PDB file of N, CA and C in Angstrom:
ATOM      1  N   MET A   1      -7.024   6.666  22.857  1.00  0.00           N
ATOM      2  CA  MET A   1      -5.949   6.244  21.799  1.00  0.00           C
ATOM      3  C   MET A   1      -6.198   5.733  20.249  1.00  0.00           C
ATOM      4  N   THR A   2      -5.385   6.213  19.758  1.00  0.00           N
ATOM      5  CA  THR A   2      -5.812   6.034  18.378  1.00  0.00           C
ATOM      6  C   THR A   2      -5.490   4.482  17.820  1.00  0.00           C
ATOM      7  N   ARG A   3      -6.304   3.568  17.344  1.00  0.00           N
ATOM      8  CA  ARG A   3      -5.877   2.218  16.976  1.00  0.00           C
ATOM      9  C   ARG A   3      -5.547   2.182  15.254  1.00  0.00           C
ATOM     10  N   VAL A   4      -4.350   1.952  15.365  1.00  0.00           N
ATOM     11  CA  VAL A   4      -3.728   1.689  13.670  1.00  0.00           C
ATOM     12  C   VAL A   4      -3.284   0.260  13.483  1.00  0.00           C
ATOM     13  N   VAL A   5      -4.014   0.064  12.377  1.00  0.00           N
ATOM     14  CA  VAL A   5      -3.734  -1.387  12.090  1.00  0.00           C
ATOM     15  C   VAL A   5      -3.447  -1.481  10.545  1.00  0.00           C
ATOM     16  N   ALA A   6      -2.883  -2.470  10.182  1.00  0.00           N
ATOM     17  CA  ALA A   6      -2.190  -2.708   8.912  1.00  0.00           C
ATOM     18  C   ALA A   6      -2.471  -4.140   8.292  1.00  0.00           C
ATOM     19  N   LEU A   7      -2.922  -4.106   7.271  1.00  0.00           N
ATOM     20  CA  LEU A   7      -2.995  -5.260   6.320  1.00  0.00           C
ATOM     21  C   LEU A   7      -1.786  -5.354   5.208  1.00  0.00           C
ATOM     22  N   VAL A   8      -0.596  -5.826   5.845  1.00  0.00           N
ATOM     23  CA  VAL A   8       0.587  -5.995   5.037  1.00  0.00           C
ATOM     24  C   VAL A   8       1.224  -7.180   5.372  1.00  0.00           C
ATOM     25  N   GLY A   9       1.432  -7.969   4.088  1.00  0.00           N
ATOM     26  CA  GLY A   9       1.688  -9.303   4.150  1.00  0.00           C
ATOM     27  C   GLY A   9       3.210  -9.410   3.888  1.00  0.00           C
ATOM     28  N   ASP A  10       4.064  -8.683   3.561  1.00  0.00           N
ATOM     29  CA  ASP A  10       5.511  -8.725   3.298  1.00  0.00           C
ATOM     30  C   ASP A  10       6.147  -8.270   4.473  1.00  0.00           C
ATOM     31  N   LEU A  11       7.077  -9.213   5.139  1.00  0.00           N
ATOM     32  CA  LEU A  11       7.605  -8.980   6.530  1.00  0.00           C
ATOM     33  C   LEU A  11       8.573  -7.808   6.414  1.00  0.00           C
ATOM     34  N   MET A  12       9.504  -7.499   5.504  1.00  0.00           N
ATOM     35  CA  MET A  12      10.042  -6.334   5.408  1.00  0.00           C
ATOM     36  C   MET A  12       9.227  -5.091   5.558  1.00  0.00           C
ATOM     37  N   ASP A  13       8.023  -5.009   4.907  1.00  0.00           N
ATOM     38  CA  ASP A  13       7.102  -3.970   4.911  1.00  0.00           C
ATOM     39  C   ASP A  13       6.452  -3.917   6.374  1.00  0.00           C
ATOM     40  N   GLN A  14       6.209  -5.118   7.055  1.00  0.00           N
ATOM     41  CA  GLN A  14       5.617  -4.892   8.421  1.00  0.00           C
ATOM     42  C   GLN A  14       6.683  -4.450   9.371  1.00  0.00           C
ATOM     43  N   SER A  15       7.950  -4.764   9.236  1.00  0.00           N
ATOM     44  CA  SER A  15       8.768  -4.338   9.930  1.00  0.00           C
ATOM     45  C   SER A  15       9.273  -2.800   9.828  1.00  0.00           C
ATOM     46  N   HIS A  16       9.215  -2.372   8.820  1.00  0.00           N
ATOM     47  CA  HIS A  16       9.431  -0.820   8.573  1.00  0.00           C
ATOM     48  C   HIS A  16       8.043   0.158   8.958  1.00  0.00           C
ATOM     49  N   VAL A  17       7.051  -0.451   8.926  1.00  0.00           N
ATOM     50  CA  VAL A  17       5.753   0.165   9.234  1.00  0.00           C
ATOM     51  C   VAL A  17       5.698   0.007  11.047  1.00  0.00           C
ATOM     52  N   ARG A  18       5.952  -0.825  11.257  1.00  0.00           N
ATOM     53  CA  ARG A  18       5.732  -0.938  12.702  1.00  0.00           C
ATOM     54  C   ARG A  18       6.987  -0.203  13.772  1.00  0.00           C
ATOM     55  N   GLY A  19       8.383   0.006  12.975  1.00  0.00           N
ATOM     56  CA  GLY A  19       9.226   0.828  13.407  1.00  0.00           C
ATOM     57  C   GLY A  19       8.898   2.349  13.098  1.00  0.00           C
ATOM     58  N   SER A  20       7.954   2.573  12.291  1.00  0.00           N
ATOM     59  CA  SER A  20       7.476   4.003  12.192  1.00  0.00           C
ATOM     60  C   SER A  20       6.303   4.587  13.130  1.00  0.00           C
ATOM     61  N   ILE A  21       5.428   3.599  13.317  1.00  0.00           N
ATOM     62  CA  ILE A  21       4.066   3.984  13.814  1.00  0.00           C
ATOM     63  C   ILE A  21       4.077   3.243  15.188  1.00  0.00           C
ATOM     64  N   ASP A  22       4.006   3.914  16.156  1.00  0.00           N
ATOM     65  CA  ASP A  22       3.694   3.535  17.451  1.00  0.00           C
ATOM     66  C   ASP A  22       2.411   2.770  17.877  1.00  0.00           C
ATOM     67  N   GLY A  23       2.677   1.388  18.180  1.00  0.00           N
ATOM     68  CA  GLY A  23       1.357   0.764  18.561  1.00  0.00           C
ATOM     69  C   GLY A  23       0.476  -0.089  17.617  1.00  0.00           C
ATOM     70  N   LEU A  24       1.156  -0.069  16.339  1.00  0.00           N
ATOM     71  CA  LEU A  24       0.745  -0.568  15.206  1.00  0.00           C
ATOM     72  C   LEU A  24       0.447  -2.201  15.274  1.00  0.00           C
ATOM     73  N   GLU A  25      -0.820  -2.574  14.781  1.00  0.00           N
ATOM     74  CA  GLU A  25      -1.081  -3.860  14.824  1.00  0.00           C
ATOM     75  C   GLU A  25      -0.987  -4.457  13.550  1.00  0.00           C
ATOM     76  N   ILE A  26      -0.591  -5.596  13.396  1.00  0.00           N
ATOM     77  CA  ILE A  26      -0.714  -6.331  11.899  1.00  0.00           C
ATOM     78  C   ILE A  26      -1.928  -7.259  11.933  1.00  0.00           C
ATOM     79  N   ILE A  27      -2.801  -6.869  10.874  1.00  0.00           N
ATOM     80  CA  ILE A  27      -3.898  -7.769  10.851  1.00  0.00           C
ATOM     81  C   ILE A  27      -3.762  -8.859   9.931  1.00  0.00           C
ATOM     82  N   ARG A  28      -4.625  -9.677   9.945  1.00  0.00           N
ATOM     83  CA  ARG A  28      -4.657 -10.885   8.759  1.00  0.00           C
ATOM     84  C   ARG A  28      -5.804 -10.864   7.902  1.00  0.00           C
ATOM     85  N   SER A  29      -6.977  -9.945   8.202  1.00  0.00           N
ATOM     86  CA  SER A  29      -7.929 -10.043   7.259  1.00  0.00           C
ATOM     87  C   SER A  29      -8.693  -8.645   7.375  1.00  0.00           C
ATOM     88  N   ALA A  30      -9.512  -8.408   6.572  1.00  0.00           N
ATOM     89  CA  ALA A  30     -10.174  -7.217   6.613  1.00  0.00           C
ATOM     90  C   ALA A  30     -11.313  -7.231   7.865  1.00  0.00           C
ATOM     91  N   ALA A  31     -11.929  -8.205   8.256  1.00  0.00           N
ATOM     92  CA  ALA A  31     -12.701  -8.279   9.730  1.00  0.00           C
ATOM     93  C   ALA A  31     -11.775  -7.873  10.548  1.00  0.00           C
ATOM     94  N   ASP A  32     -10.610  -8.210  10.707  1.00  0.00           N
ATOM     95  CA  ASP A  32      -9.865  -7.562  11.864  1.00  0.00           C
ATOM     96  C   ASP A  32      -9.677  -6.092  12.017  1.00  0.00           C
ATOM     97  N   ALA A  33      -9.835  -5.558  11.140  1.00  0.00           N
ATOM     98  CA  ALA A  33      -9.855  -4.098  11.205  1.00  0.00           C
ATOM     99  C   ALA A  33     -10.899  -3.282  11.897  1.00  0.00           C
ATOM    100  N   SER A  34     -11.969  -3.851  12.136  1.00  0.00           N
ATOM    101  CA  SER A  34     -13.138  -3.472  12.926  1.00  0.00           C
ATOM    102  C   SER A  34     -12.830  -3.011  14.057  1.00  0.00           C
ATOM    103  N   GLY A  35     -13.250  -1.656  14.394  1.00  0.00           N
ATOM    104  CA  GLY A  35     -12.845  -1.017  15.358  1.00  0.00           C
ATOM    105  C   GLY A  35     -11.406  -0.059  15.193  1.00  0.00           C
ATOM    106  N   ALA A  36     -10.902  -0.130  14.118  1.00  0.00           N
ATOM    107  CA  ALA A  36      -9.611   0.550  14.051  1.00  0.00           C
ATOM    108  C   ALA A  36      -9.952   1.981  13.578  1.00  0.00           C
ATOM    109  N   ASP A  37      -9.190   2.733  13.694  1.00  0.00           N
ATOM    110  CA  ASP A  37      -9.532   4.319  13.504  1.00  0.00           C
ATOM    111  C   ASP A  37      -8.467   4.391  12.192  1.00  0.00           C
ATOM    112  N   VAL A  38      -7.449   3.822  12.170  1.00  0.00           N
ATOM    113  CA  VAL A  38      -6.575   3.931  10.815  1.00  0.00           C
ATOM    114  C   VAL A  38      -6.352   2.549  10.360  1.00  0.00           C
ATOM    115  N   VAL A  39      -6.459   2.429   8.967  1.00  0.00           N
ATOM    116  CA  VAL A  39      -5.859   0.916   8.509  1.00  0.00           C
ATOM    117  C   VAL A  39      -5.197   1.491   7.299  1.00  0.00           C
ATOM    118  N   ILE A  40      -3.922   0.670   7.034  1.00  0.00           N
ATOM    119  CA  ILE A  40      -2.943   0.788   6.333  1.00  0.00           C
ATOM    120  C   ILE A  40      -3.091  -0.630   5.583  1.00  0.00           C
ATOM    121  N   VAL A  41      -3.127  -0.577   3.984  1.00  0.00           N
ATOM    122  CA  VAL A  41      -3.377  -1.549   3.187  1.00  0.00           C
ATOM    123  C   VAL A  41      -2.196  -1.821   2.104  1.00  0.00           C
ATOM    124  N   ASP A  42      -1.663  -2.750   1.940  1.00  0.00           N
ATOM    125  CA  ASP A  42      -0.661  -3.107   0.599  1.00  0.00           C
ATOM    126  C   ASP A  42      -1.555  -3.329  -0.354  1.00  0.00           C
ATOM    127  N   VAL A  43      -1.575  -2.691  -1.413  1.00  0.00           N
ATOM    128  CA  VAL A  43      -2.642  -2.741  -2.659  1.00  0.00           C
ATOM    129  C   VAL A  43      -2.098  -4.117  -3.416  1.00  0.00           C
ATOM    130  N   ALA A  44      -0.669  -4.221  -3.502  1.00  0.00           N
ATOM    131  CA  ALA A  44      -0.295  -5.246  -4.256  1.00  0.00           C
ATOM    132  C   ALA A  44      -0.444  -6.792  -3.870  1.00  0.00           C
ATOM    133  N   ARG A  45      -0.890  -6.805  -2.381  1.00  0.00           N
ATOM    134  CA  ARG A  45      -1.225  -8.022  -1.730  1.00  0.00           C
ATOM    135  C   ARG A  45      -2.599  -8.101  -1.314  1.00  0.00           C
ATOM    136  N   HIS A  46      -3.099  -6.999  -1.083  1.00  0.00           N
ATOM    137  CA  HIS A  46      -4.741  -6.996  -0.524  1.00  0.00           C
ATOM    138  C   HIS A  46      -5.738  -6.000  -1.183  1.00  0.00           C
ATOM    139  N   ALA A  47      -5.355  -5.886  -2.433  1.00  0.00           N
ATOM    140  CA  ALA A  47      -6.202  -4.670  -3.289  1.00  0.00           C
ATOM    141  C   ALA A  47      -7.574  -5.291  -2.867  1.00  0.00           C
ATOM    142  N   GLY A  48      -7.985  -6.588  -3.108  1.00  0.00           N
ATOM    143  CA  GLY A  48      -9.143  -7.143  -3.088  1.00  0.00           C
ATOM    144  C   GLY A  48      -9.908  -7.142  -1.642  1.00  0.00           C
ATOM    145  N   SER A  49      -9.209  -6.601  -0.707  1.00  0.00           N
ATOM    146  CA  SER A  49      -9.747  -6.232   0.620  1.00  0.00           C
ATOM    147  C   SER A  49     -10.403  -4.857   1.008  1.00  0.00           C
ATOM    148  N   ILE A  50     -10.053  -4.122   0.256  1.00  0.00           N
ATOM    149  CA  ILE A  50     -10.215  -2.654   0.408  1.00  0.00           C
ATOM    150  C   ILE A  50     -11.664  -2.366   0.705  1.00  0.00           C
ATOM    151  N   ALA A  51     -12.412  -2.822  -0.125  1.00  0.00           N
ATOM    152  CA  ALA A  51     -13.983  -2.394  -0.158  1.00  0.00           C
ATOM    153  C   ALA A  51     -14.467  -3.050   1.255  1.00  0.00           C
ATOM    154  N   ALA A  52     -13.916  -4.257   1.578  1.00  0.00           N
ATOM    155  CA  ALA A  52     -14.375  -4.939   2.823  1.00  0.00           C
ATOM    156  C   ALA A  52     -14.088  -4.189   4.286  1.00  0.00           C
ATOM    157  N   ILE A  53     -12.820  -3.657   3.929  1.00  0.00           N
ATOM    158  CA  ILE A  53     -12.279  -2.933   5.020  1.00  0.00           C
ATOM    159  C   ILE A  53     -12.923  -1.635   5.328  1.00  0.00           C
ATOM    160  N   ARG A  54     -13.232  -0.862   4.099  1.00  0.00           N
ATOM    161  CA  ARG A  54     -14.251   0.249   4.187  1.00  0.00           C
ATOM    162  C   ARG A  54     -15.552  -0.065   5.034  1.00  0.00           C
ATOM    163  N   ARG A  55     -16.190  -1.098   4.606  1.00  0.00           N
ATOM    164  CA  ARG A  55     -17.461  -1.269   5.297  1.00  0.00           C
ATOM    165  C   ARG A  55     -17.140  -1.763   6.882  1.00  0.00           C
ATOM    166  N   ALA A  56     -15.919  -2.325   7.125  1.00  0.00           N
ATOM    167  CA  ALA A  56     -15.684  -2.527   8.438  1.00  0.00           C
ATOM    168  C   ALA A  56     -15.372  -1.651   9.422  1.00  0.00           C
ATOM    169  N   VAL A  57     -14.861  -0.487   8.458  1.00  0.00           N
ATOM    170  CA  VAL A  57     -14.290   0.666   9.194  1.00  0.00           C
ATOM    171  C   VAL A  57     -15.041   2.039   8.464  1.00  0.00           C
ATOM    172  N   PRO A  58     -16.225   2.413   8.448  1.00  0.00           N
ATOM    173  CA  PRO A  58     -16.946   3.400   7.535  1.00  0.00           C
ATOM    174  C   PRO A  58     -16.058   4.738   8.082  1.00  0.00           C
ATOM    175  N   GLY A  59     -15.844   4.857   9.094  1.00  0.00           N
ATOM    176  CA  GLY A  59     -15.666   6.318   9.685  1.00  0.00           C
ATOM    177  C   GLY A  59     -14.035   6.266   9.891  1.00  0.00           C
ATOM    178  N   GLY A  60     -13.298   5.391   9.480  1.00  0.00           N
ATOM    179  CA  GLY A  60     -12.052   5.427   9.738  1.00  0.00           C
ATOM    180  C   GLY A  60     -11.162   5.644   8.664  1.00  0.00           C
ATOM    181  N   LEU A  61     -10.068   6.331   8.737  1.00  0.00           N
ATOM    182  CA  LEU A  61      -8.988   6.633   7.850  1.00  0.00           C
ATOM    183  C   LEU A  61      -8.332   5.517   7.126  1.00  0.00           C
ATOM    184  N   LEU A  62      -8.717   5.075   5.707  1.00  0.00           N
ATOM    185  CA  LEU A  62      -7.859   4.277   5.103  1.00  0.00           C
ATOM    186  C   LEU A  62      -7.036   4.540   4.032  1.00  0.00           C
ATOM    187  N   VAL A  63      -5.723   4.143   4.136  1.00  0.00           N
ATOM    188  CA  VAL A  63      -4.381   4.404   3.743  1.00  0.00           C
ATOM    189  C   VAL A  63      -3.862   3.310   2.784  1.00  0.00           C
ATOM    190  N   ALA A  64      -3.621   3.444   1.570  1.00  0.00           N
ATOM    191  CA  ALA A  64      -3.206   2.386   0.914  1.00  0.00           C
ATOM    192  C   ALA A  64      -2.044   2.674   0.232  1.00  0.00           C
ATOM    193  N   TYR A  65      -1.143   1.616  -0.004  1.00  0.00           N
ATOM    194  CA  TYR A  65       0.060   1.942  -1.021  1.00  0.00           C
ATOM    195  C   TYR A  65       0.290   0.990  -2.016  1.00  0.00           C
ATOM    196  N   GLY A  66       1.009   1.314  -3.043  1.00  0.00           N
ATOM    197  CA  GLY A  66       1.225   0.078  -4.048  1.00  0.00           C
ATOM    198  C   GLY A  66       2.299   0.594  -5.133  1.00  0.00           C
ATOM    199  N   ARG A  67       2.445   0.046  -5.879  1.00  0.00           N
ATOM    200  CA  ARG A  67       3.718   0.104  -6.900  1.00  0.00           C
ATOM    201  C   ARG A  67       3.473   1.435  -7.600  1.00  0.00           C
ATOM    202  N   HIS A  68       4.505   2.145  -7.620  1.00  0.00           N
ATOM    203  CA  HIS A  68       4.326   3.506  -8.799  1.00  0.00           C
ATOM    204  C   HIS A  68       4.014   3.135 -10.072  1.00  0.00           C
ATOM    205  N   ASP A  69       4.462   2.083 -10.582  1.00  0.00           N
ATOM    206  CA  ASP A  69       4.174   1.537 -11.967  1.00  0.00           C
ATOM    207  C   ASP A  69       2.922   0.678 -12.222  1.00  0.00           C
ATOM    208  N   ASP A  70       1.946   0.738 -11.480  1.00  0.00           N
ATOM    209  CA  ASP A  70       0.500   0.398 -11.674  1.00  0.00           C
ATOM    210  C   ASP A  70      -0.406   1.268 -11.142  1.00  0.00           C
ATOM    211  N   PRO A  71      -0.591   2.478 -12.137  1.00  0.00           N
ATOM    212  CA  PRO A  71      -1.529   3.642 -11.643  1.00  0.00           C
ATOM    213  C   PRO A  71      -2.906   2.888 -11.547  1.00  0.00           C
ATOM    214  N   ALA A  72      -3.151   1.839 -12.238  1.00  0.00           N
ATOM    215  CA  ALA A  72      -4.441   1.393 -12.166  1.00  0.00           C
ATOM    216  C   ALA A  72      -5.033   0.804 -10.904  1.00  0.00           C
ATOM    217  N   ALA A  73      -4.068   0.080 -10.318  1.00  0.00           N
ATOM    218  CA  ALA A  73      -4.286  -0.401  -8.805  1.00  0.00           C
ATOM    219  C   ALA A  73      -4.391   0.665  -8.034  1.00  0.00           C
ATOM    220  N   LEU A  74      -3.634   1.775  -8.200  1.00  0.00           N
ATOM    221  CA  LEU A  74      -3.864   2.606  -7.057  1.00  0.00           C
ATOM    222  C   LEU A  74      -5.085   3.406  -7.499  1.00  0.00           C
ATOM    223  N   ALA A  75      -5.656   3.796  -8.475  1.00  0.00           N
ATOM    224  CA  ALA A  75      -6.913   4.001  -8.832  1.00  0.00           C
ATOM    225  C   ALA A  75      -7.996   3.529  -8.337  1.00  0.00           C
ATOM    226  N   ALA A  76      -7.755   1.952  -8.372  1.00  0.00           N
ATOM    227  CA  ALA A  76      -8.800   0.982  -8.048  1.00  0.00           C
ATOM    228  C   ALA A  76      -9.106   0.921  -6.467  1.00  0.00           C
ATOM    229  N   ALA A  77      -7.706   0.991  -5.888  1.00  0.00           N
ATOM    230  CA  ALA A  77      -7.911   1.288  -4.324  1.00  0.00           C
ATOM    231  C   ALA A  77      -8.697   2.160  -4.118  1.00  0.00           C
ATOM    232  N   SER A  78      -8.441   3.694  -4.567  1.00  0.00           N
ATOM    233  CA  SER A  78      -9.002   4.763  -4.304  1.00  0.00           C
ATOM    234  C   SER A  78     -10.707   4.505  -4.743  1.00  0.00           C
ATOM    235  N   ALA A  79     -11.057   4.180  -5.582  1.00  0.00           N
ATOM    236  CA  ALA A  79     -12.506   3.550  -6.012  1.00  0.00           C
ATOM    237  C   ALA A  79     -13.018   2.696  -5.124  1.00  0.00           C
ATOM    238  N   ALA A  80     -12.188   1.977  -4.246  1.00  0.00           N
ATOM    239  CA  ALA A  80     -12.811   0.793  -3.510  1.00  0.00           C
ATOM    240  C   ALA A  80     -13.167   1.306  -2.063  1.00  0.00           C
ATOM    241  N   GLY A  81     -12.635   2.645  -1.918  1.00  0.00           N
ATOM    242  CA  GLY A  81     -12.766   3.071  -0.649  1.00  0.00           C
ATOM    243  C   GLY A  81     -11.537   3.746   0.101  1.00  0.00           C
ATOM    244  N   ALA A  82     -10.499   3.733  -0.412  1.00  0.00           N
ATOM    245  CA  ALA A  82      -9.130   4.140   0.166  1.00  0.00           C
ATOM    246  C   ALA A  82      -9.085   5.668   0.254  1.00  0.00           C
ATOM    247  N   ASP A  83      -8.924   6.145   1.258  1.00  0.00           N
ATOM    248  CA  ASP A  83      -9.127   7.717   1.446  1.00  0.00           C
ATOM    249  C   ASP A  83      -7.923   8.385   1.016  1.00  0.00           C
ATOM    250  N   ARG A  84      -7.001   7.884   1.208  1.00  0.00           N
ATOM    251  CA  ARG A  84      -5.275   8.088   0.620  1.00  0.00           C
ATOM    252  C   ARG A  84      -4.706   6.927  -0.007  1.00  0.00           C
ATOM    253  N   VAL A  85      -4.013   7.309  -1.127  1.00  0.00           N
ATOM    254  CA  VAL A  85      -3.327   6.352  -2.034  1.00  0.00           C
ATOM    255  C   VAL A  85      -1.911   6.987  -2.190  1.00  0.00           C
ATOM    256  N   PHE A  86      -0.828   6.079  -1.639  1.00  0.00           N
ATOM    257  CA  PHE A  86       0.516   6.576  -2.281  1.00  0.00           C
ATOM    258  C   PHE A  86       1.072   5.483  -2.872  1.00  0.00           C
ATOM    259  N   ALA A  87       2.195   5.850  -3.997  1.00  0.00           N
ATOM    260  CA  ALA A  87       3.006   5.312  -4.489  1.00  0.00           C
ATOM    261  C   ALA A  87       3.900   4.756  -3.244  1.00  0.00           C
ATOM    262  N   ARG A  88       4.197   3.310  -3.229  1.00  0.00           N
ATOM    263  CA  ARG A  88       5.154   2.873  -2.155  1.00  0.00           C
ATOM    264  C   ARG A  88       6.079   3.314  -1.841  1.00  0.00           C
ATOM    265  N   SER A  89       7.052   4.094  -2.778  1.00  0.00           N
ATOM    266  CA  SER A  89       8.303   4.767  -2.283  1.00  0.00           C
ATOM    267  C   SER A  89       7.796   5.985  -1.638  1.00  0.00           C
ATOM    268  N   ARG A  90       6.878   6.571  -1.804  1.00  0.00           N
ATOM    269  CA  ARG A  90       6.363   7.934  -1.025  1.00  0.00           C
ATOM    270  C   ARG A  90       5.768   7.362   0.356  1.00  0.00           C
ATOM    271  N   PHE A  91       5.162   6.531   0.494  1.00  0.00           N
ATOM    272  CA  PHE A  91       4.665   5.932   1.660  1.00  0.00           C
ATOM    273  C   PHE A  91       5.752   5.723   2.608  1.00  0.00           C
ATOM    274  N   PHE A  92       6.659   4.632   1.962  1.00  0.00           N
ATOM    275  CA  PHE A  92       7.727   4.472   2.816  1.00  0.00           C
ATOM    276  C   PHE A  92       8.832   5.375   3.316  1.00  0.00           C
ATOM    277  N   LYS A  93       8.854   6.566   2.596  1.00  0.00           N
ATOM    278  CA  LYS A  93       9.551   7.563   3.341  1.00  0.00           C
ATOM    279  C   LYS A  93       9.273   8.023   4.482  1.00  0.00           C
ATOM    280  N   ASP A  94       7.852   8.038   4.642  1.00  0.00           N
ATOM    281  CA  ASP A  94       7.611   8.336   6.211  1.00  0.00           C
ATOM    282  C   ASP A  94       6.068   7.975   6.467  1.00  0.00           C
ATOM    283  N   PRO A  95       5.881   6.625   6.555  1.00  0.00           N
ATOM    284  CA  PRO A  95       4.630   5.949   6.909  1.00  0.00           C
ATOM    285  C   PRO A  95       3.818   7.155   7.804  1.00  0.00           C
ATOM    286  N   ALA A  96       4.460   7.485   9.221  1.00  0.00           N
ATOM    287  CA  ALA A  96       3.689   8.008  10.220  1.00  0.00           C
ATOM    288  C   ALA A  96       3.120   9.158   9.406  1.00  0.00           C
ATOM    289  N   ALA A  97       3.664  10.084   8.601  1.00  0.00           N
ATOM    290  CA  ALA A  97       3.367  11.330   8.074  1.00  0.00           C
ATOM    291  C   ALA A  97       2.094  10.844   6.953  1.00  0.00           C
ATOM    292  N   ALA A  98       2.058   9.831   6.400  1.00  0.00           N
ATOM    293  CA  ALA A  98       1.048   9.491   5.565  1.00  0.00           C
ATOM    294  C   ALA A  98      -0.212   9.247   6.178  1.00  0.00           C
ATOM    295  N   ILE A  99      -0.354   8.985   7.499  1.00  0.00           N
ATOM    296  CA  ILE A  99      -1.425   8.776   8.285  1.00  0.00           C
ATOM    297  C   ILE A  99      -1.911   9.879   9.063  1.00  0.00           C
ATOM    298  N   ALA A 100      -1.025  10.890   8.991  1.00  0.00           N
ATOM    299  CA  ALA A 100      -1.375  12.169   9.756  1.00  0.00           C
ATOM    300  C   ALA A 100      -2.542  12.798   9.448  1.00  0.00           C
ATOM    301  N   PRO A 101      -3.112  13.572   9.991  1.00  0.00           N
ATOM    302  CA  PRO A 101      -4.475  14.260   9.710  1.00  0.00           C
ATOM    303  C   PRO A 101      -4.387  15.139   8.356  1.00  0.00           C
ATOM    304  N   GLU A 102      -3.200  15.894   8.232  1.00  0.00           N
ATOM    305  CA  GLU A 102      -3.014  16.870   7.096  1.00  0.00           C
ATOM    306  C   GLU A 102      -2.415  16.066   5.994  1.00  0.00           C
ATOM    307  N   ALA A 103      -2.002  14.907   5.812  1.00  0.00           N
ATOM    308  CA  ALA A 103      -1.413  14.356   4.792  1.00  0.00           C
ATOM    309  C   ALA A 103      -2.178  14.232   3.542  1.00  0.00           C
ATOM    310  N   ALA A 104      -1.688  14.560   2.417  1.00  0.00           N
ATOM    311  CA  ALA A 104      -2.302  14.507   1.223  1.00  0.00           C
ATOM    312  C   ALA A 104      -2.006  12.937   0.564  1.00  0.00           C
ATOM    313  N   SER A 105      -2.823  12.713  -0.709  1.00  0.00           N
ATOM    314  CA  SER A 105      -2.689  11.521  -1.385  1.00  0.00           C
ATOM    315  C   SER A 105      -2.429  12.056  -2.623  1.00  0.00           C
ATOM    316  N   PRO A 106      -1.324  12.159  -3.024  1.00  0.00           N
ATOM    317  CA  PRO A 106      -0.809  12.709  -4.315  1.00  0.00           C
ATOM    318  C   PRO A 106      -0.740  11.702  -5.297  1.00  0.00           C
ATOM    319  N   ASP A 107      -0.634  10.528  -4.880  1.00  0.00           N
ATOM    320  CA  ASP A 107      -0.348   9.364  -6.216  1.00  0.00           C
ATOM    321  C   ASP A 107      -1.631   8.605  -6.753  1.00  0.00           C
ATOM    322  N   GLN A 108      -2.565   9.199  -6.878  1.00  0.00           N
ATOM    323  CA  GLN A 108      -3.807   8.697  -7.255  1.00  0.00           C
ATOM    324  C   GLN A 108      -3.809   8.866  -8.840  1.00  0.00           C
TER     325      GLN A 108
END
């Protein structure tokens, strides 16, 4: 079974992601990502955790999302190790599709 975790602080975001991805776990720190297959990160609240998550989950899929009007933060997330980076609005259209094997990362 694929372990999907999310480092997402906003309660509304947590609710939306939980409703879209079965079995999703909300984590509190980068260390909690260890052993995950997929990690979702809110760049606005946890940009500083991306590099640590990449170290904790070197072979996992790291998906980040952030504000469309902050392209520098999205680019920094990619540089820190995120495999896919989405504008928040695009990510929340279909979070499950964003973590699917064939998904693209168009918003970097």
